[in-house]
């Protein structure tokens, strides 16, 4: 039964990912009313929130856009940095939403940032510890428990990411609408794009929780 669930989650995740790519490609051909590039959207939104210590810069790749709270940089892919489309404005404003969260001390973002080094460590060794725990479940049952605890950190990270991303999108959509970056017609495209992107984080959280539950069931069944 669990394998059927995992296969279903994998298929759904692939569909969601393709949907995100499709929508961003479609909305990248729809110009905003304001005619601002993604860089200009980001810079103006930062100024409006009295944030002057964040650098907006371009990074290579597609959909590689992200805000780095460690060095206070807002990194936009070329299509977003130079783009004057609804997709570019939505993505740039979304990443600015994270910068605003950082500036106001948004608790879920602070928690996610604190979890990053823990998750970087646990994600590397958790699979090996769990595998060893499965092989030695009778002799050393606590070993698998350690692996489960390590994996739980990743599951927690996925859960904390949800409010962070949803809140950033909410801030972005409110700002671009109030500043007439989008019209009532194009604003629904921006909403659709960011909502589709949010589904990827939902699927990541669901998959992590399902995997965690699976490991716990194995531990309880083999103990």
C-alpha atoms as a PDB file:
ATOM      1  CA  UNK A   1       0.000   0.000   0.000  1.00  0.00           C
ATOM      2  CA  UNK A   2       2.763   2.463   0.911  1.00  0.00           C
ATOM      3  CA  UNK A   3       4.496   1.890  -2.422  1.00  0.00           C
ATOM      4  CA  UNK A   4       1.268   2.779  -4.231  1.00  0.00           C
ATOM      5  CA  UNK A   5       1.085   5.993  -2.196  1.00  0.00           C
ATOM      6  CA  UNK A   6       4.702   6.872  -3.002  1.00  0.00           C
ATOM      7  CA  UNK A   7       4.197   6.204  -6.720  1.00  0.00           C
ATOM      8  CA  UNK A   8       1.076   8.390  -6.671  1.00  0.00           C
ATOM      9  CA  UNK A   9       2.934  11.186  -4.859  1.00  0.00           C
ATOM     10  CA  UNK A  10       5.794  10.988  -7.356  1.00  0.00           C
ATOM     11  CA  UNK A  11       3.415  11.235 -10.316  1.00  0.00           C
ATOM     12  CA  UNK A  12       1.516  14.134  -8.756  1.00  0.00           C
ATOM     13  CA  UNK A  13       4.765  15.936  -7.968  1.00  0.00           C
ATOM     14  CA  UNK A  14       5.891  15.570 -11.576  1.00  0.00           C
ATOM     15  CA  UNK A  15       2.556  16.937 -12.817  1.00  0.00           C
ATOM     16  CA  UNK A  16       2.761  19.884 -10.413  1.00  0.00           C
ATOM     17  CA  UNK A  17       6.340  20.635 -11.494  1.00  0.00           C
ATOM     18  CA  UNK A  18       5.420  20.539 -15.193  1.00  0.00           C
ATOM     19  CA  UNK A  19       2.425  22.769 -14.490  1.00  0.00           C
ATOM     20  CA  UNK A  20       4.667  25.350 -12.819  1.00  0.00           C
ATOM     21  CA  UNK A  21       7.070  25.354 -15.778  1.00  0.00           C
ATOM     22  CA  UNK A  22       4.176  25.636 -18.226  1.00  0.00           C
ATOM     23  CA  UNK A  23       2.526  28.547 -16.433  1.00  0.00           C
ATOM     24  CA  UNK A  24       5.713  30.521 -15.979  1.00  0.00           C
ATOM     25  CA  UNK A  25       6.553  30.004 -19.643  1.00  0.00           C
ATOM     26  CA  UNK A  26       3.062  31.164 -20.645  1.00  0.00           C
ATOM     27  CA  UNK A  27       2.989  34.195 -18.347  1.00  0.00           C
ATOM     28  CA  UNK A  28       6.509  35.217 -19.345  1.00  0.00           C
ATOM     29  CA  UNK A  29       4.979  36.344 -22.657  1.00  0.00           C
ATOM     30  CA  UNK A  30       2.375  38.578 -21.009  1.00  0.00           C
ATOM     31  CA  UNK A  31       3.659  42.094 -20.337  1.00  0.00           C
ATOM     32  CA  UNK A  32       2.865  44.008 -17.181  1.00  0.00           C
ATOM     33  CA  UNK A  33       1.043  47.317 -17.389  1.00  0.00           C
ATOM     34  CA  UNK A  34       3.814  49.108 -15.525  1.00  0.00           C
ATOM     35  CA  UNK A  35       6.544  47.940 -17.902  1.00  0.00           C
ATOM     36  CA  UNK A  36       8.959  47.402 -15.021  1.00  0.00           C
ATOM     37  CA  UNK A  37      11.662  44.754 -15.221  1.00  0.00           C
ATOM     38  CA  UNK A  38      11.954  42.193 -12.460  1.00  0.00           C
ATOM     39  CA  UNK A  39      14.973  44.072 -11.129  1.00  0.00           C
ATOM     40  CA  UNK A  40      13.005  47.337 -11.014  1.00  0.00           C
ATOM     41  CA  UNK A  41      10.074  45.635  -9.306  1.00  0.00           C
ATOM     42  CA  UNK A  42      12.411  44.221  -6.667  1.00  0.00           C
ATOM     43  CA  UNK A  43      14.213  47.507  -6.078  1.00  0.00           C
ATOM     44  CA  UNK A  44      10.999  49.498  -5.813  1.00  0.00           C
ATOM     45  CA  UNK A  45       9.366  47.001  -3.461  1.00  0.00           C
ATOM     46  CA  UNK A  46      12.443  47.027  -1.243  1.00  0.00           C
ATOM     47  CA  UNK A  47      12.440  50.834  -1.119  1.00  0.00           C
ATOM     48  CA  UNK A  48       8.740  50.911  -0.288  1.00  0.00           C
ATOM     49  CA  UNK A  49       9.442  48.674   2.721  1.00  0.00           C
ATOM     50  CA  UNK A  50      12.390  50.875   3.769  1.00  0.00           C
ATOM     51  CA  UNK A  51      14.884  48.079   3.072  1.00  0.00           C
ATOM     52  CA  UNK A  52      18.190  49.482   1.850  1.00  0.00           C
ATOM     53  CA  UNK A  53      20.700  46.782   2.785  1.00  0.00           C
ATOM     54  CA  UNK A  54      19.615  44.110   0.284  1.00  0.00           C
ATOM     55  CA  UNK A  55      21.462  43.823  -3.029  1.00  0.00           C
ATOM     56  CA  UNK A  56      19.496  42.775  -6.124  1.00  0.00           C
ATOM     57  CA  UNK A  57      21.684  40.754  -8.476  1.00  0.00           C
ATOM     58  CA  UNK A  58      21.410  38.371 -11.403  1.00  0.00           C
ATOM     59  CA  UNK A  59      22.261  34.667 -11.186  1.00  0.00           C
ATOM     60  CA  UNK A  60      22.422  32.153 -14.008  1.00  0.00           C
ATOM     61  CA  UNK A  61      19.828  29.461 -14.589  1.00  0.00           C
ATOM     62  CA  UNK A  62      16.068  29.139 -14.933  1.00  0.00           C
ATOM     63  CA  UNK A  63      13.787  29.496 -11.898  1.00  0.00           C
ATOM     64  CA  UNK A  64      16.908  29.828  -9.749  1.00  0.00           C
ATOM     65  CA  UNK A  65      15.489  32.925  -8.055  1.00  0.00           C
ATOM     66  CA  UNK A  66      15.979  33.109  -4.293  1.00  0.00           C
ATOM     67  CA  UNK A  67      16.617  35.404  -1.362  1.00  0.00           C
ATOM     68  CA  UNK A  68      19.692  34.676   0.733  1.00  0.00           C
ATOM     69  CA  UNK A  69      19.239  35.992   4.289  1.00  0.00           C
ATOM     70  CA  UNK A  70      22.850  35.141   5.161  1.00  0.00           C
ATOM     71  CA  UNK A  71      24.351  37.808   2.885  1.00  0.00           C
ATOM     72  CA  UNK A  72      21.148  39.797   2.211  1.00  0.00           C
ATOM     73  CA  UNK A  73      21.137  39.291  -1.540  1.00  0.00           C
ATOM     74  CA  UNK A  74      18.101  38.964  -3.756  1.00  0.00           C
ATOM     75  CA  UNK A  75      19.131  36.709  -6.633  1.00  0.00           C
ATOM     76  CA  UNK A  76      17.091  36.747  -9.837  1.00  0.00           C
ATOM     77  CA  UNK A  77      17.501  34.560 -12.905  1.00  0.00           C
ATOM     78  CA  UNK A  78      18.132  36.406 -16.227  1.00  0.00           C
ATOM     79  CA  UNK A  79      14.536  35.981 -17.446  1.00  0.00           C
ATOM     80  CA  UNK A  80      13.229  37.520 -14.225  1.00  0.00           C
ATOM     81  CA  UNK A  81      15.952  40.149 -13.743  1.00  0.00           C
ATOM     82  CA  UNK A  82      15.508  41.588 -17.253  1.00  0.00           C
ATOM     83  CA  UNK A  83      11.933  40.489 -17.923  1.00  0.00           C
ATOM     84  CA  UNK A  84       8.941  42.842 -18.107  1.00  0.00           C
ATOM     85  CA  UNK A  85       6.366  40.072 -17.919  1.00  0.00           C
ATOM     86  CA  UNK A  86       3.754  39.108 -15.345  1.00  0.00           C
ATOM     87  CA  UNK A  87       5.846  36.058 -14.456  1.00  0.00           C
ATOM     88  CA  UNK A  88       8.975  38.153 -13.907  1.00  0.00           C
ATOM     89  CA  UNK A  89       7.137  40.669 -11.725  1.00  0.00           C
ATOM     90  CA  UNK A  90       5.477  37.930  -9.656  1.00  0.00           C
ATOM     91  CA  UNK A  91       8.726  36.060  -9.033  1.00  0.00           C
ATOM     92  CA  UNK A  92      10.719  39.203  -8.222  1.00  0.00           C
ATOM     93  CA  UNK A  93       8.044  40.416  -5.806  1.00  0.00           C
ATOM     94  CA  UNK A  94       7.820  36.973  -4.204  1.00  0.00           C
ATOM     95  CA  UNK A  95      11.540  36.922  -3.490  1.00  0.00           C
ATOM     96  CA  UNK A  96      11.232  40.459  -2.124  1.00  0.00           C
ATOM     97  CA  UNK A  97       8.549  39.060   0.139  1.00  0.00           C
ATOM     98  CA  UNK A  98      11.252  36.959   1.775  1.00  0.00           C
ATOM     99  CA  UNK A  99      13.445  40.030   2.226  1.00  0.00           C
ATOM    100  CA  UNK A 100      10.524  41.785   3.914  1.00  0.00           C
ATOM    101  CA  UNK A 101      10.003  38.753   6.152  1.00  0.00           C
ATOM    102  CA  UNK A 102      13.652  38.932   7.149  1.00  0.00           C
ATOM    103  CA  UNK A 103      13.444  42.669   7.843  1.00  0.00           C
ATOM    104  CA  UNK A 104      10.389  42.341  10.106  1.00  0.00           C
ATOM    105  CA  UNK A 105      11.625  39.205  11.856  1.00  0.00           C
ATOM    106  CA  UNK A 106       8.968  36.848  10.506  1.00  0.00           C
ATOM    107  CA  UNK A 107       9.192  33.865  12.877  1.00  0.00           C
ATOM    108  CA  UNK A 108       8.755  30.977  10.383  1.00  0.00           C
ATOM    109  CA  UNK A 109      11.562  32.382   8.211  1.00  0.00           C
ATOM    110  CA  UNK A 110      13.838  32.668  11.241  1.00  0.00           C
ATOM    111  CA  UNK A 111      13.047  29.073  12.157  1.00  0.00           C
ATOM    112  CA  UNK A 112      13.685  27.852   8.616  1.00  0.00           C
ATOM    113  CA  UNK A 113      17.023  29.677   8.490  1.00  0.00           C
ATOM    114  CA  UNK A 114      18.004  28.101  11.823  1.00  0.00           C
ATOM    115  CA  UNK A 115      17.135  24.662  10.453  1.00  0.00           C
ATOM    116  CA  UNK A 116      19.279  24.979   7.314  1.00  0.00           C
ATOM    117  CA  UNK A 117      22.601  23.772   8.831  1.00  0.00           C
ATOM    118  CA  UNK A 118      20.770  20.982  10.670  1.00  0.00           C
ATOM    119  CA  UNK A 119      19.034  19.812   7.503  1.00  0.00           C
ATOM    120  CA  UNK A 120      22.236  20.062   5.439  1.00  0.00           C
ATOM    121  CA  UNK A 121      23.863  17.678   7.908  1.00  0.00           C
ATOM    122  CA  UNK A 122      20.936  15.332   8.515  1.00  0.00           C
ATOM    123  CA  UNK A 123      19.969  14.946   4.847  1.00  0.00           C
ATOM    124  CA  UNK A 124      23.446  13.608   4.040  1.00  0.00           C
ATOM    125  CA  UNK A 125      23.629  10.948   6.728  1.00  0.00           C
ATOM    126  CA  UNK A 126      19.981  10.077   7.487  1.00  0.00           C
ATOM    127  CA  UNK A 127      19.611   7.563   4.579  1.00  0.00           C
ATOM    128  CA  UNK A 128      22.769   5.715   5.650  1.00  0.00           C
ATOM    129  CA  UNK A 129      21.786   5.634   9.316  1.00  0.00           C
ATOM    130  CA  UNK A 130      18.293   4.405   8.456  1.00  0.00           C
ATOM    131  CA  UNK A 131      19.706   1.707   6.168  1.00  0.00           C
ATOM    132  CA  UNK A 132      22.087   0.541   8.878  1.00  0.00           C
ATOM    133  CA  UNK A 133      19.243   0.686  11.374  1.00  0.00           C
ATOM    134  CA  UNK A 134      17.113  -1.581   9.164  1.00  0.00           C
ATOM    135  CA  UNK A 135      19.885  -4.163   8.944  1.00  0.00           C
ATOM    136  CA  UNK A 136      20.580  -4.044  12.684  1.00  0.00           C
ATOM    137  CA  UNK A 137      17.041  -3.442  13.919  1.00  0.00           C
ATOM    138  CA  UNK A 138      17.119  -6.435  16.302  1.00  0.00           C
ATOM    139  CA  UNK A 139      20.568  -5.816  17.743  1.00  0.00           C
ATOM    140  CA  UNK A 140      20.547  -2.005  17.787  1.00  0.00           C
ATOM    141  CA  UNK A 141      16.946  -0.716  17.514  1.00  0.00           C
ATOM    142  CA  UNK A 142      18.021   2.732  18.678  1.00  0.00           C
ATOM    143  CA  UNK A 143      20.109   3.185  15.530  1.00  0.00           C
ATOM    144  CA  UNK A 144      17.057   3.392  13.314  1.00  0.00           C
ATOM    145  CA  UNK A 145      15.413   5.746  15.779  1.00  0.00           C
ATOM    146  CA  UNK A 146      18.401   8.049  15.342  1.00  0.00           C
ATOM    147  CA  UNK A 147      17.963   7.863  11.563  1.00  0.00           C
ATOM    148  CA  UNK A 148      14.266   8.628  11.874  1.00  0.00           C
ATOM    149  CA  UNK A 149      15.026  11.627  14.078  1.00  0.00           C
ATOM    150  CA  UNK A 150      17.522  12.890  11.512  1.00  0.00           C
ATOM    151  CA  UNK A 151      14.993  12.520   8.714  1.00  0.00           C
ATOM    152  CA  UNK A 152      12.353  14.230  10.859  1.00  0.00           C
ATOM    153  CA  UNK A 153      14.456  17.397  10.676  1.00  0.00           C
ATOM    154  CA  UNK A 154      13.972  17.439   6.892  1.00  0.00           C
ATOM    155  CA  UNK A 155      10.242  16.849   7.292  1.00  0.00           C
ATOM    156  CA  UNK A 156      10.041  19.729   9.765  1.00  0.00           C
ATOM    157  CA  UNK A 157      11.935  21.956   7.327  1.00  0.00           C
ATOM    158  CA  UNK A 158       9.390  21.152   4.593  1.00  0.00           C
ATOM    159  CA  UNK A 159       6.508  21.995   6.920  1.00  0.00           C
ATOM    160  CA  UNK A 160       8.039  25.281   8.060  1.00  0.00           C
ATOM    161  CA  UNK A 161       8.688  26.204   4.430  1.00  0.00           C
ATOM    162  CA  UNK A 162       4.954  26.223   3.662  1.00  0.00           C
ATOM    163  CA  UNK A 163       3.946  29.333   5.669  1.00  0.00           C
ATOM    164  CA  UNK A 164       7.163  31.054   4.602  1.00  0.00           C
ATOM    165  CA  UNK A 165       6.393  30.638   0.898  1.00  0.00           C
ATOM    166  CA  UNK A 166       2.673  31.333   1.181  1.00  0.00           C
ATOM    167  CA  UNK A 167       3.283  34.490   3.189  1.00  0.00           C
ATOM    168  CA  UNK A 168       5.906  35.724   0.715  1.00  0.00           C
ATOM    169  CA  UNK A 169       3.448  35.221  -2.155  1.00  0.00           C
ATOM    170  CA  UNK A 170       0.712  37.036  -0.239  1.00  0.00           C
ATOM    171  CA  UNK A 171       3.008  40.022   0.351  1.00  0.00           C
ATOM    172  CA  UNK A 172       4.073  39.985  -3.303  1.00  0.00           C
ATOM    173  CA  UNK A 173       0.570  39.879  -4.751  1.00  0.00           C
ATOM    174  CA  UNK A 174      -0.671  42.605  -2.452  1.00  0.00           C
ATOM    175  CA  UNK A 175       2.200  44.900  -3.384  1.00  0.00           C
ATOM    176  CA  UNK A 176       2.122  44.448  -7.161  1.00  0.00           C
ATOM    177  CA  UNK A 177      -1.644  44.997  -7.154  1.00  0.00           C
ATOM    178  CA  UNK A 178      -1.530  48.109  -4.955  1.00  0.00           C
ATOM    179  CA  UNK A 179       1.239  49.625  -7.099  1.00  0.00           C
ATOM    180  CA  UNK A 180      -0.531  48.873 -10.398  1.00  0.00           C
ATOM    181  CA  UNK A 181       2.265  46.649 -11.637  1.00  0.00           C
ATOM    182  CA  UNK A 182      -0.541  44.390 -12.812  1.00  0.00           C
ATOM    183  CA  UNK A 183      -4.091  45.144 -13.946  1.00  0.00           C
ATOM    184  CA  UNK A 184      -7.150  43.237 -12.672  1.00  0.00           C
ATOM    185  CA  UNK A 185      -6.799  41.013 -15.747  1.00  0.00           C
ATOM    186  CA  UNK A 186      -3.082  40.261 -15.482  1.00  0.00           C
ATOM    187  CA  UNK A 187      -3.132  40.081 -11.696  1.00  0.00           C
ATOM    188  CA  UNK A 188      -4.985  36.789 -11.862  1.00  0.00           C
ATOM    189  CA  UNK A 189      -2.118  35.421 -13.953  1.00  0.00           C
ATOM    190  CA  UNK A 190       0.374  36.440 -11.288  1.00  0.00           C
ATOM    191  CA  UNK A 191      -1.825  34.816  -8.648  1.00  0.00           C
ATOM    192  CA  UNK A 192      -2.082  31.641 -10.710  1.00  0.00           C
ATOM    193  CA  UNK A 193       1.685  31.460 -11.203  1.00  0.00           C
ATOM    194  CA  UNK A 194       2.536  31.853  -7.526  1.00  0.00           C
ATOM    195  CA  UNK A 195      -0.236  29.494  -6.446  1.00  0.00           C
ATOM    196  CA  UNK A 196       1.122  26.813  -8.782  1.00  0.00           C
ATOM    197  CA  UNK A 197       4.603  27.297  -7.355  1.00  0.00           C
ATOM    198  CA  UNK A 198       3.184  26.927  -3.829  1.00  0.00           C
ATOM    199  CA  UNK A 199       1.812  23.491  -4.727  1.00  0.00           C
ATOM    200  CA  UNK A 200       5.384  22.231  -5.190  1.00  0.00           C
ATOM    201  CA  UNK A 201       6.107  23.031  -1.545  1.00  0.00           C
ATOM    202  CA  UNK A 202       2.870  21.357  -0.491  1.00  0.00           C
ATOM    203  CA  UNK A 203       3.850  18.198  -2.341  1.00  0.00           C
ATOM    204  CA  UNK A 204       7.340  18.277  -0.818  1.00  0.00           C
ATOM    205  CA  UNK A 205       5.848  18.499   2.676  1.00  0.00           C
ATOM    206  CA  UNK A 206       3.329  15.712   2.034  1.00  0.00           C
ATOM    207  CA  UNK A 207       6.024  13.452   0.581  1.00  0.00           C
ATOM    208  CA  UNK A 208       8.345  14.099   3.537  1.00  0.00           C
ATOM    209  CA  UNK A 209       5.597  13.303   6.050  1.00  0.00           C
ATOM    210  CA  UNK A 210       4.617  10.153   4.159  1.00  0.00           C
ATOM    211  CA  UNK A 211       8.234   8.990   4.097  1.00  0.00           C
ATOM    212  CA  UNK A 212       8.633   9.718   7.802  1.00  0.00           C
ATOM    213  CA  UNK A 213       5.464   7.746   8.564  1.00  0.00           C
ATOM    214  CA  UNK A 214       6.784   4.870   6.453  1.00  0.00           C
ATOM    215  CA  UNK A 215      10.048   4.715   8.403  1.00  0.00           C
ATOM    216  CA  UNK A 216       8.178   4.787  11.700  1.00  0.00           C
ATOM    217  CA  UNK A 217       5.904   1.932  10.542  1.00  0.00           C
ATOM    218  CA  UNK A 218       8.940  -0.137   9.525  1.00  0.00           C
ATOM    219  CA  UNK A 219      10.562   0.478  12.910  1.00  0.00           C
ATOM    220  CA  UNK A 220       7.440  -0.481  14.823  1.00  0.00           C
ATOM    221  CA  UNK A 221       6.828  -3.506  12.617  1.00  0.00           C
ATOM    222  CA  UNK A 222      10.355  -4.920  12.817  1.00  0.00           C
ATOM    223  CA  UNK A 223      11.168  -4.044  16.396  1.00  0.00           C
END
